[in-house]
Amino acid sequence: MRTLYWPNGKRIKVIVLPGDHPLHKQFVKENLHIFPHQLRRAWNRKTYTGTGQAPITVGSMTEMQKLVNQTKNSIGYIDKGGQNE
């Protein structure tokens, strides 16, 4: 959330799974070292103050992979095996 732009100057488009998805919970805890509700509050704060944009939420890893592939300057995450929906 601190980095808003890629090195090429384009705004980063963040794509996430729903907050209650097991992979989302795992990703946030293991990689961001916070709890999912803390991430949601931070996004809400950035969105409401106009200093950031809310992430795009998708319903599955399949959707995540498809949208990241189709959306320029986007970033997302999937399970290493890519099979757990």
PDB file of N, CA and C in Angstrom:
ATOM      1  N   MET A   1       0.814  -1.201   0.000  1.00  0.00           N
ATOM      2  CA  MET A   1       0.000   0.000   0.000  1.00  0.00           C
ATOM      3  C   MET A   1       0.853   1.258   0.000  1.00  0.00           C
ATOM      4  N   ARG A   2       2.111   1.118   0.275  1.00  0.00           N
ATOM      5  CA  ARG A   2       2.988   2.290   0.266  1.00  0.00           C
ATOM      6  C   ARG A   2       3.419   2.649  -1.143  1.00  0.00           C
ATOM      7  N   THR A   3       3.529   1.638  -1.994  1.00  0.00           N
ATOM      8  CA  THR A   3       3.939   1.869  -3.370  1.00  0.00           C
ATOM      9  C   THR A   3       2.698   1.952  -4.244  1.00  0.00           C
ATOM     10  N   LEU A   4       2.495   3.098  -4.837  1.00  0.00           N
ATOM     11  CA  LEU A   4       1.307   3.312  -5.654  1.00  0.00           C
ATOM     12  C   LEU A   4       1.577   3.170  -7.146  1.00  0.00           C
ATOM     13  N   TYR A   5       2.854   3.318  -7.525  1.00  0.00           N
ATOM     14  CA  TYR A   5       3.208   3.325  -8.941  1.00  0.00           C
ATOM     15  C   TYR A   5       4.344   2.355  -9.235  1.00  0.00           C
ATOM     16  N   TRP A   6       4.296   1.750 -10.414  1.00  0.00           N
ATOM     17  CA  TRP A   6       5.385   0.917 -10.897  1.00  0.00           C
ATOM     18  C   TRP A   6       6.553   1.831 -11.277  1.00  0.00           C
ATOM     19  N   PRO A   7       7.745   1.299 -11.422  1.00  0.00           N
ATOM     20  CA  PRO A   7       8.892   2.126 -11.839  1.00  0.00           C
ATOM     21  C   PRO A   7       8.661   2.876 -13.160  1.00  0.00           C
ATOM     22  N   ASN A   8       7.757   2.360 -14.006  1.00  0.00           N
ATOM     23  CA  ASN A   8       7.466   3.034 -15.281  1.00  0.00           C
ATOM     24  C   ASN A   8       6.497   4.211 -15.120  1.00  0.00           C
ATOM     25  N   GLY A   9       6.071   4.481 -13.866  1.00  0.00           N
ATOM     26  CA  GLY A   9       5.181   5.609 -13.605  1.00  0.00           C
ATOM     27  C   GLY A   9       3.701   5.279 -13.671  1.00  0.00           C
ATOM     28  N   LYS A  10       3.345   4.075 -14.058  1.00  0.00           N
ATOM     29  CA  LYS A  10       1.939   3.673 -14.156  1.00  0.00           C
ATOM     30  C   LYS A  10       1.412   3.257 -12.792  1.00  0.00           C
ATOM     31  N   ARG A  11       0.160   3.616 -12.512  1.00  0.00           N
ATOM     32  CA  ARG A  11      -0.457   3.277 -11.233  1.00  0.00           C
ATOM     33  C   ARG A  11      -0.671   1.771 -11.117  1.00  0.00           C
ATOM     34  N   ILE A  12      -0.363   1.204  -9.959  1.00  0.00           N
ATOM     35  CA  ILE A  12      -0.540  -0.211  -9.701  1.00  0.00           C
ATOM     36  C   ILE A  12      -2.019  -0.502  -9.454  1.00  0.00           C
ATOM     37  N   LYS A  13      -2.533  -1.523 -10.110  1.00  0.00           N
ATOM     38  CA  LYS A  13      -3.908  -1.967  -9.900  1.00  0.00           C
ATOM     39  C   LYS A  13      -3.846  -3.253  -9.089  1.00  0.00           C
ATOM     40  N   VAL A  14      -4.345  -3.207  -7.878  1.00  0.00           N
ATOM     41  CA  VAL A  14      -4.267  -4.339  -6.961  1.00  0.00           C
ATOM     42  C   VAL A  14      -5.523  -5.199  -7.083  1.00  0.00           C
ATOM     43  N   ILE A  15      -5.310  -6.513  -7.195  1.00  0.00           N
ATOM     44  CA  ILE A  15      -6.415  -7.461  -7.301  1.00  0.00           C
ATOM     45  C   ILE A  15      -6.291  -8.440  -6.141  1.00  0.00           C
ATOM     46  N   VAL A  16      -7.380  -8.630  -5.408  1.00  0.00           N
ATOM     47  CA  VAL A  16      -7.366  -9.491  -4.224  1.00  0.00           C
ATOM     48  C   VAL A  16      -8.547 -10.460  -4.247  1.00  0.00           C
ATOM     49  N   LEU A  17      -8.421 -11.494  -3.435  1.00  0.00           N
ATOM     50  CA  LEU A  17      -9.531 -12.407  -3.182  1.00  0.00           C
ATOM     51  C   LEU A  17     -10.377 -11.814  -2.061  1.00  0.00           C
ATOM     52  N   PRO A  18     -11.604 -12.291  -1.871  1.00  0.00           N
ATOM     53  CA  PRO A  18     -12.447 -11.772  -0.787  1.00  0.00           C
ATOM     54  C   PRO A  18     -11.754 -11.923   0.576  1.00  0.00           C
ATOM     55  N   GLY A  19     -12.056 -11.033   1.485  1.00  0.00           N
ATOM     56  CA  GLY A  19     -11.441 -11.025   2.806  1.00  0.00           C
ATOM     57  C   GLY A  19     -11.622 -12.293   3.598  1.00  0.00           C
ATOM     58  N   ASP A  20     -12.662 -13.064   3.319  1.00  0.00           N
ATOM     59  CA  ASP A  20     -12.891 -14.301   4.060  1.00  0.00           C
ATOM     60  C   ASP A  20     -12.327 -15.532   3.349  1.00  0.00           C
ATOM     61  N   HIS A  21     -11.690 -15.346   2.213  1.00  0.00           N
ATOM     62  CA  HIS A  21     -11.091 -16.463   1.480  1.00  0.00           C
ATOM     63  C   HIS A  21      -9.850 -16.950   2.232  1.00  0.00           C
ATOM     64  N   PRO A  22      -9.698 -18.269   2.427  1.00  0.00           N
ATOM     65  CA  PRO A  22      -8.557 -18.795   3.174  1.00  0.00           C
ATOM     66  C   PRO A  22      -7.194 -18.367   2.620  1.00  0.00           C
ATOM     67  N   LEU A  23      -7.059 -18.296   1.303  1.00  0.00           N
ATOM     68  CA  LEU A  23      -5.775 -17.884   0.729  1.00  0.00           C
ATOM     69  C   LEU A  23      -5.495 -16.410   1.009  1.00  0.00           C
ATOM     70  N   HIS A  24      -6.545 -15.584   0.968  1.00  0.00           N
ATOM     71  CA  HIS A  24      -6.360 -14.168   1.282  1.00  0.00           C
ATOM     72  C   HIS A  24      -5.863 -14.005   2.718  1.00  0.00           C
ATOM     73  N   LYS A  25      -6.504 -14.712   3.634  1.00  0.00           N
ATOM     74  CA  LYS A  25      -6.093 -14.638   5.040  1.00  0.00           C
ATOM     75  C   LYS A  25      -4.642 -15.070   5.203  1.00  0.00           C
ATOM     76  N   GLN A  26      -4.283 -16.167   4.567  1.00  0.00           N
ATOM     77  CA  GLN A  26      -2.924 -16.685   4.654  1.00  0.00           C
ATOM     78  C   GLN A  26      -1.927 -15.696   4.044  1.00  0.00           C
ATOM     79  N   PHE A  27      -2.234 -15.171   2.867  1.00  0.00           N
ATOM     80  CA  PHE A  27      -1.343 -14.233   2.190  1.00  0.00           C
ATOM     81  C   PHE A  27      -1.090 -12.999   3.041  1.00  0.00           C
ATOM     82  N   VAL A  28      -2.147 -12.431   3.577  1.00  0.00           N
ATOM     83  CA  VAL A  28      -2.016 -11.206   4.366  1.00  0.00           C
ATOM     84  C   VAL A  28      -1.182 -11.459   5.623  1.00  0.00           C
ATOM     85  N   LYS A  29      -1.469 -12.548   6.311  1.00  0.00           N
ATOM     86  CA  LYS A  29      -0.730 -12.851   7.541  1.00  0.00           C
ATOM     87  C   LYS A  29       0.739 -13.151   7.269  1.00  0.00           C
ATOM     88  N   GLU A  30       1.016 -13.983   6.269  1.00  0.00           N
ATOM     89  CA  GLU A  30       2.387 -14.430   6.019  1.00  0.00           C
ATOM     90  C   GLU A  30       3.247 -13.417   5.265  1.00  0.00           C
ATOM     91  N   ASN A  31       2.639 -12.623   4.399  1.00  0.00           N
ATOM     92  CA  ASN A  31       3.423 -11.718   3.562  1.00  0.00           C
ATOM     93  C   ASN A  31       3.364 -10.264   4.005  1.00  0.00           C
ATOM     94  N   LEU A  32       2.237  -9.847   4.537  1.00  0.00           N
ATOM     95  CA  LEU A  32       2.099  -8.463   4.978  1.00  0.00           C
ATOM     96  C   LEU A  32       2.259  -8.327   6.489  1.00  0.00           C
ATOM     97  N   HIS A  33       2.205  -9.464   7.178  1.00  0.00           N
ATOM     98  CA  HIS A  33       2.392  -9.511   8.635  1.00  0.00           C
ATOM     99  C   HIS A  33       1.367  -8.679   9.396  1.00  0.00           C
ATOM    100  N   ILE A  34       0.135  -8.715   8.891  1.00  0.00           N
ATOM    101  CA  ILE A  34      -0.999  -8.082   9.565  1.00  0.00           C
ATOM    102  C   ILE A  34      -2.187  -9.016   9.428  1.00  0.00           C
ATOM    103  N   PHE A  35      -3.302  -8.654  10.038  1.00  0.00           N
ATOM    104  CA  PHE A  35      -4.522  -9.443   9.907  1.00  0.00           C
ATOM    105  C   PHE A  35      -5.385  -8.858   8.783  1.00  0.00           C
ATOM    106  N   PRO A  36      -6.209  -9.696   8.153  1.00  0.00           N
ATOM    107  CA  PRO A  36      -7.037  -9.207   7.049  1.00  0.00           C
ATOM    108  C   PRO A  36      -7.892  -7.992   7.402  1.00  0.00           C
ATOM    109  N   HIS A  37      -8.448  -7.957   8.624  1.00  0.00           N
ATOM    110  CA  HIS A  37      -9.280  -6.798   8.988  1.00  0.00           C
ATOM    111  C   HIS A  37      -8.439  -5.520   9.066  1.00  0.00           C
ATOM    112  N   GLN A  38      -7.170  -5.646   9.413  1.00  0.00           N
ATOM    113  CA  GLN A  38      -6.295  -4.474   9.442  1.00  0.00           C
ATOM    114  C   GLN A  38      -6.043  -3.960   8.023  1.00  0.00           C
ATOM    115  N   LEU A  39      -5.865  -4.878   7.079  1.00  0.00           N
ATOM    116  CA  LEU A  39      -5.673  -4.487   5.686  1.00  0.00           C
ATOM    117  C   LEU A  39      -6.921  -3.794   5.162  1.00  0.00           C
ATOM    118  N   ARG A  40      -8.093  -4.367   5.466  1.00  0.00           N
ATOM    119  CA  ARG A  40      -9.353  -3.779   5.007  1.00  0.00           C
ATOM    120  C   ARG A  40      -9.512  -2.364   5.560  1.00  0.00           C
ATOM    121  N   ARG A  41      -9.214  -2.174   6.837  1.00  0.00           N
ATOM    122  CA  ARG A  41      -9.317  -0.824   7.432  1.00  0.00           C
ATOM    123  C   ARG A  41      -8.368   0.150   6.754  1.00  0.00           C
ATOM    124  N   ALA A  42      -7.161  -0.310   6.459  1.00  0.00           N
ATOM    125  CA  ALA A  42      -6.191   0.559   5.793  1.00  0.00           C
ATOM    126  C   ALA A  42      -6.677   0.949   4.399  1.00  0.00           C
ATOM    127  N   TRP A  43      -7.216  -0.026   3.650  1.00  0.00           N
ATOM    128  CA  TRP A  43      -7.751   0.285   2.321  1.00  0.00           C
ATOM    129  C   TRP A  43      -8.912   1.271   2.436  1.00  0.00           C
ATOM    130  N   ASN A  44      -9.804   1.031   3.399  1.00  0.00           N
ATOM    131  CA  ASN A  44     -10.943   1.931   3.584  1.00  0.00           C
ATOM    132  C   ASN A  44     -10.480   3.351   3.889  1.00  0.00           C
ATOM    133  N   ARG A  45      -9.505   3.460   4.746  1.00  0.00           N
ATOM    134  CA  ARG A  45      -8.979   4.784   5.116  1.00  0.00           C
ATOM    135  C   ARG A  45      -8.414   5.492   3.885  1.00  0.00           C
ATOM    136  N   LYS A  46      -7.607   4.771   3.087  1.00  0.00           N
ATOM    137  CA  LYS A  46      -7.025   5.354   1.872  1.00  0.00           C
ATOM    138  C   LYS A  46      -8.117   5.752   0.875  1.00  0.00           C
ATOM    139  N   THR A  47      -9.122   4.905   0.748  1.00  0.00           N
ATOM    140  CA  THR A  47     -10.201   5.175  -0.193  1.00  0.00           C
ATOM    141  C   THR A  47     -11.020   6.391   0.229  1.00  0.00           C
ATOM    142  N   TYR A  48     -11.403   6.440   1.511  1.00  0.00           N
ATOM    143  CA  TYR A  48     -12.260   7.522   1.991  1.00  0.00           C
ATOM    144  C   TYR A  48     -11.544   8.868   2.032  1.00  0.00           C
ATOM    145  N   THR A  49     -10.222   8.858   2.209  1.00  0.00           N
ATOM    146  CA  THR A  49      -9.487  10.124   2.225  1.00  0.00           C
ATOM    147  C   THR A  49      -9.068  10.558   0.832  1.00  0.00           C
ATOM    148  N   GLY A  50      -9.273   9.680  -0.149  1.00  0.00           N
ATOM    149  CA  GLY A  50      -8.922  10.021  -1.522  1.00  0.00           C
ATOM    150  C   GLY A  50      -7.448   9.842  -1.840  1.00  0.00           C
ATOM    151  N   THR A  51      -6.713   9.186  -0.970  1.00  0.00           N
ATOM    152  CA  THR A  51      -5.279   9.000  -1.196  1.00  0.00           C
ATOM    153  C   THR A  51      -4.950   7.647  -1.826  1.00  0.00           C
ATOM    154  N   GLY A  52      -5.965   6.846  -2.102  1.00  0.00           N
ATOM    155  CA  GLY A  52      -5.737   5.542  -2.712  1.00  0.00           C
ATOM    156  C   GLY A  52      -7.010   4.993  -3.314  1.00  0.00           C
ATOM    157  N   GLN A  53      -6.878   3.883  -3.986  1.00  0.00           N
ATOM    158  CA  GLN A  53      -8.027   3.225  -4.598  1.00  0.00           C
ATOM    159  C   GLN A  53      -8.203   1.857  -3.956  1.00  0.00           C
ATOM    160  N   ALA A  54      -9.437   1.450  -3.782  1.00  0.00           N
ATOM    161  CA  ALA A  54      -9.723   0.125  -3.242  1.00  0.00           C
ATOM    162  C   ALA A  54      -9.267  -0.924  -4.245  1.00  0.00           C
ATOM    163  N   PRO A  55      -8.845  -2.078  -3.761  1.00  0.00           N
ATOM    164  CA  PRO A  55      -8.443  -3.141  -4.687  1.00  0.00           C
ATOM    165  C   PRO A  55      -9.654  -3.704  -5.421  1.00  0.00           C
ATOM    166  N   ILE A  56      -9.387  -4.342  -6.520  1.00  0.00           N
ATOM    167  CA  ILE A  56     -10.423  -5.060  -7.264  1.00  0.00           C
ATOM    168  C   ILE A  56     -10.544  -6.433  -6.607  1.00  0.00           C
ATOM    169  N   THR A  57     -11.749  -6.841  -6.250  1.00  0.00           N
ATOM    170  CA  THR A  57     -11.957  -8.131  -5.604  1.00  0.00           C
ATOM    171  C   THR A  57     -12.523  -9.124  -6.609  1.00  0.00           C
ATOM    172  N   VAL A  58     -11.917 -10.306  -6.659  1.00  0.00           N
ATOM    173  CA  VAL A  58     -12.386 -11.383  -7.518  1.00  0.00           C
ATOM    174  C   VAL A  58     -12.799 -12.565  -6.651  1.00  0.00           C
ATOM    175  N   GLY A  59     -13.583 -13.476  -7.195  1.00  0.00           N
ATOM    176  CA  GLY A  59     -14.124 -14.563  -6.405  1.00  0.00           C
ATOM    177  C   GLY A  59     -13.303 -15.828  -6.335  1.00  0.00           C
ATOM    178  N   SER A  60     -12.296 -15.970  -7.196  1.00  0.00           N
ATOM    179  CA  SER A  60     -11.521 -17.209  -7.211  1.00  0.00           C
ATOM    180  C   SER A  60     -10.120 -16.948  -7.758  1.00  0.00           C
ATOM    181  N   MET A  61      -9.250 -17.940  -7.562  1.00  0.00           N
ATOM    182  CA  MET A  61      -7.896 -17.820  -8.102  1.00  0.00           C
ATOM    183  C   MET A  61      -7.910 -17.857  -9.625  1.00  0.00           C
ATOM    184  N   THR A  62      -8.863 -18.574 -10.193  1.00  0.00           N
ATOM    185  CA  THR A  62      -8.988 -18.604 -11.651  1.00  0.00           C
ATOM    186  C   THR A  62      -9.294 -17.207 -12.172  1.00  0.00           C
ATOM    187  N   GLU A  63     -10.248 -16.531 -11.529  1.00  0.00           N
ATOM    188  CA  GLU A  63     -10.572 -15.149 -11.906  1.00  0.00           C
ATOM    189  C   GLU A  63      -9.373 -14.237 -11.690  1.00  0.00           C
ATOM    190  N   MET A  64      -8.672 -14.441 -10.581  1.00  0.00           N
ATOM    191  CA  MET A  64      -7.497 -13.634 -10.265  1.00  0.00           C
ATOM    192  C   MET A  64      -6.472 -13.733 -11.385  1.00  0.00           C
ATOM    193  N   GLN A  65      -6.135 -14.962 -11.753  1.00  0.00           N
ATOM    194  CA  GLN A  65      -5.132 -15.186 -12.777  1.00  0.00           C
ATOM    195  C   GLN A  65      -5.563 -14.570 -14.109  1.00  0.00           C
ATOM    196  N   LYS A  66      -6.823 -14.749 -14.455  1.00  0.00           N
ATOM    197  CA  LYS A  66      -7.342 -14.205 -15.710  1.00  0.00           C
ATOM    198  C   LYS A  66      -7.295 -12.676 -15.720  1.00  0.00           C
ATOM    199  N   LEU A  67      -7.744 -12.057 -14.624  1.00  0.00           N
ATOM    200  CA  LEU A  67      -7.783 -10.596 -14.574  1.00  0.00           C
ATOM    201  C   LEU A  67      -6.383  -9.982 -14.529  1.00  0.00           C
ATOM    202  N   VAL A  68      -5.479 -10.599 -13.787  1.00  0.00           N
ATOM    203  CA  VAL A  68      -4.099 -10.086 -13.756  1.00  0.00           C
ATOM    204  C   VAL A  68      -3.479 -10.172 -15.147  1.00  0.00           C
ATOM    205  N   ASN A  69      -3.734 -11.268 -15.836  1.00  0.00           N
ATOM    206  CA  ASN A  69      -3.204 -11.430 -17.197  1.00  0.00           C
ATOM    207  C   ASN A  69      -3.792 -10.416 -18.174  1.00  0.00           C
ATOM    208  N   GLN A  70      -5.034 -10.004 -17.947  1.00  0.00           N
ATOM    209  CA  GLN A  70      -5.721  -9.098 -18.867  1.00  0.00           C
ATOM    210  C   GLN A  70      -5.567  -7.623 -18.518  1.00  0.00           C
ATOM    211  N   THR A  71      -5.124  -7.326 -17.293  1.00  0.00           N
ATOM    212  CA  THR A  71      -5.098  -5.944 -16.827  1.00  0.00           C
ATOM    213  C   THR A  71      -3.667  -5.439 -16.730  1.00  0.00           C
ATOM    214  N   LYS A  72      -3.354  -4.444 -17.519  1.00  0.00           N
ATOM    215  CA  LYS A  72      -2.016  -3.860 -17.477  1.00  0.00           C
ATOM    216  C   LYS A  72      -1.754  -3.240 -16.106  1.00  0.00           C
ATOM    217  N   ASN A  73      -0.525  -3.353 -15.660  1.00  0.00           N
ATOM    218  CA  ASN A  73      -0.063  -2.738 -14.411  1.00  0.00           C
ATOM    219  C   ASN A  73      -0.755  -3.288 -13.170  1.00  0.00           C
ATOM    220  N   SER A  74      -1.219  -4.530 -13.248  1.00  0.00           N
ATOM    221  CA  SER A  74      -1.910  -5.121 -12.099  1.00  0.00           C
ATOM    222  C   SER A  74      -0.995  -6.086 -11.357  1.00  0.00           C
ATOM    223  N   ILE A  75      -1.404  -6.388 -10.130  1.00  0.00           N
ATOM    224  CA  ILE A  75      -0.696  -7.358  -9.305  1.00  0.00           C
ATOM    225  C   ILE A  75      -1.725  -8.105  -8.474  1.00  0.00           C
ATOM    226  N   GLY A  76      -1.467  -9.384  -8.257  1.00  0.00           N
ATOM    227  CA  GLY A  76      -2.363 -10.211  -7.465  1.00  0.00           C
ATOM    228  C   GLY A  76      -1.579 -11.380  -6.897  1.00  0.00           C
ATOM    229  N   TYR A  77      -2.267 -12.384  -6.410  1.00  0.00           N
ATOM    230  CA  TYR A  77      -1.620 -13.544  -5.812  1.00  0.00           C
ATOM    231  C   TYR A  77      -2.487 -14.781  -6.008  1.00  0.00           C
ATOM    232  N   ILE A  78      -1.818 -15.932  -6.111  1.00  0.00           N
ATOM    233  CA  ILE A  78      -2.509 -17.211  -6.171  1.00  0.00           C
ATOM    234  C   ILE A  78      -1.712 -18.214  -5.348  1.00  0.00           C
ATOM    235  N   ASP A  79      -2.302 -19.346  -5.080  1.00  0.00           N
ATOM    236  CA  ASP A  79      -1.637 -20.431  -4.386  1.00  0.00           C
ATOM    237  C   ASP A  79      -0.500 -20.948  -5.265  1.00  0.00           C
ATOM    238  N   LYS A  80       0.590 -21.392  -4.663  1.00  0.00           N
ATOM    239  CA  LYS A  80       1.721 -21.899  -5.434  1.00  0.00           C
ATOM    240  C   LYS A  80       1.309 -22.953  -6.445  1.00  0.00           C
ATOM    241  N   GLY A  81       0.410 -23.824  -6.039  1.00  0.00           N
ATOM    242  CA  GLY A  81      -0.073 -24.863  -6.947  1.00  0.00           C
ATOM    243  C   GLY A  81      -1.113 -24.333  -7.915  1.00  0.00           C
ATOM    244  N   GLY A  82      -1.742 -23.216  -7.572  1.00  0.00           N
ATOM    245  CA  GLY A  82      -2.744 -22.608  -8.433  1.00  0.00           C
ATOM    246  C   GLY A  82      -4.027 -23.398  -8.546  1.00  0.00           C
ATOM    247  N   GLN A  83      -4.202 -24.401  -7.698  1.00  0.00           N
ATOM    248  CA  GLN A  83      -5.363 -25.271  -7.812  1.00  0.00           C
ATOM    249  C   GLN A  83      -6.416 -25.065  -6.736  1.00  0.00           C
ATOM    250  N   ASN A  84      -6.058 -24.507  -5.598  1.00  0.00           N
ATOM    251  CA  ASN A  84      -7.002 -24.372  -4.488  1.00  0.00           C
ATOM    252  C   ASN A  84      -7.895 -23.174  -4.683  1.00  0.00           C
ATOM    253  N   GLU A  85      -9.142 -23.400  -4.948  1.00  0.00           N
ATOM    254  CA  GLU A  85     -10.105 -22.312  -5.123  1.00  0.00           C
ATOM    255  C   GLU A  85     -10.673 -21.974  -3.777  1.00  0.00           C
TER     256      GLU A  85
END
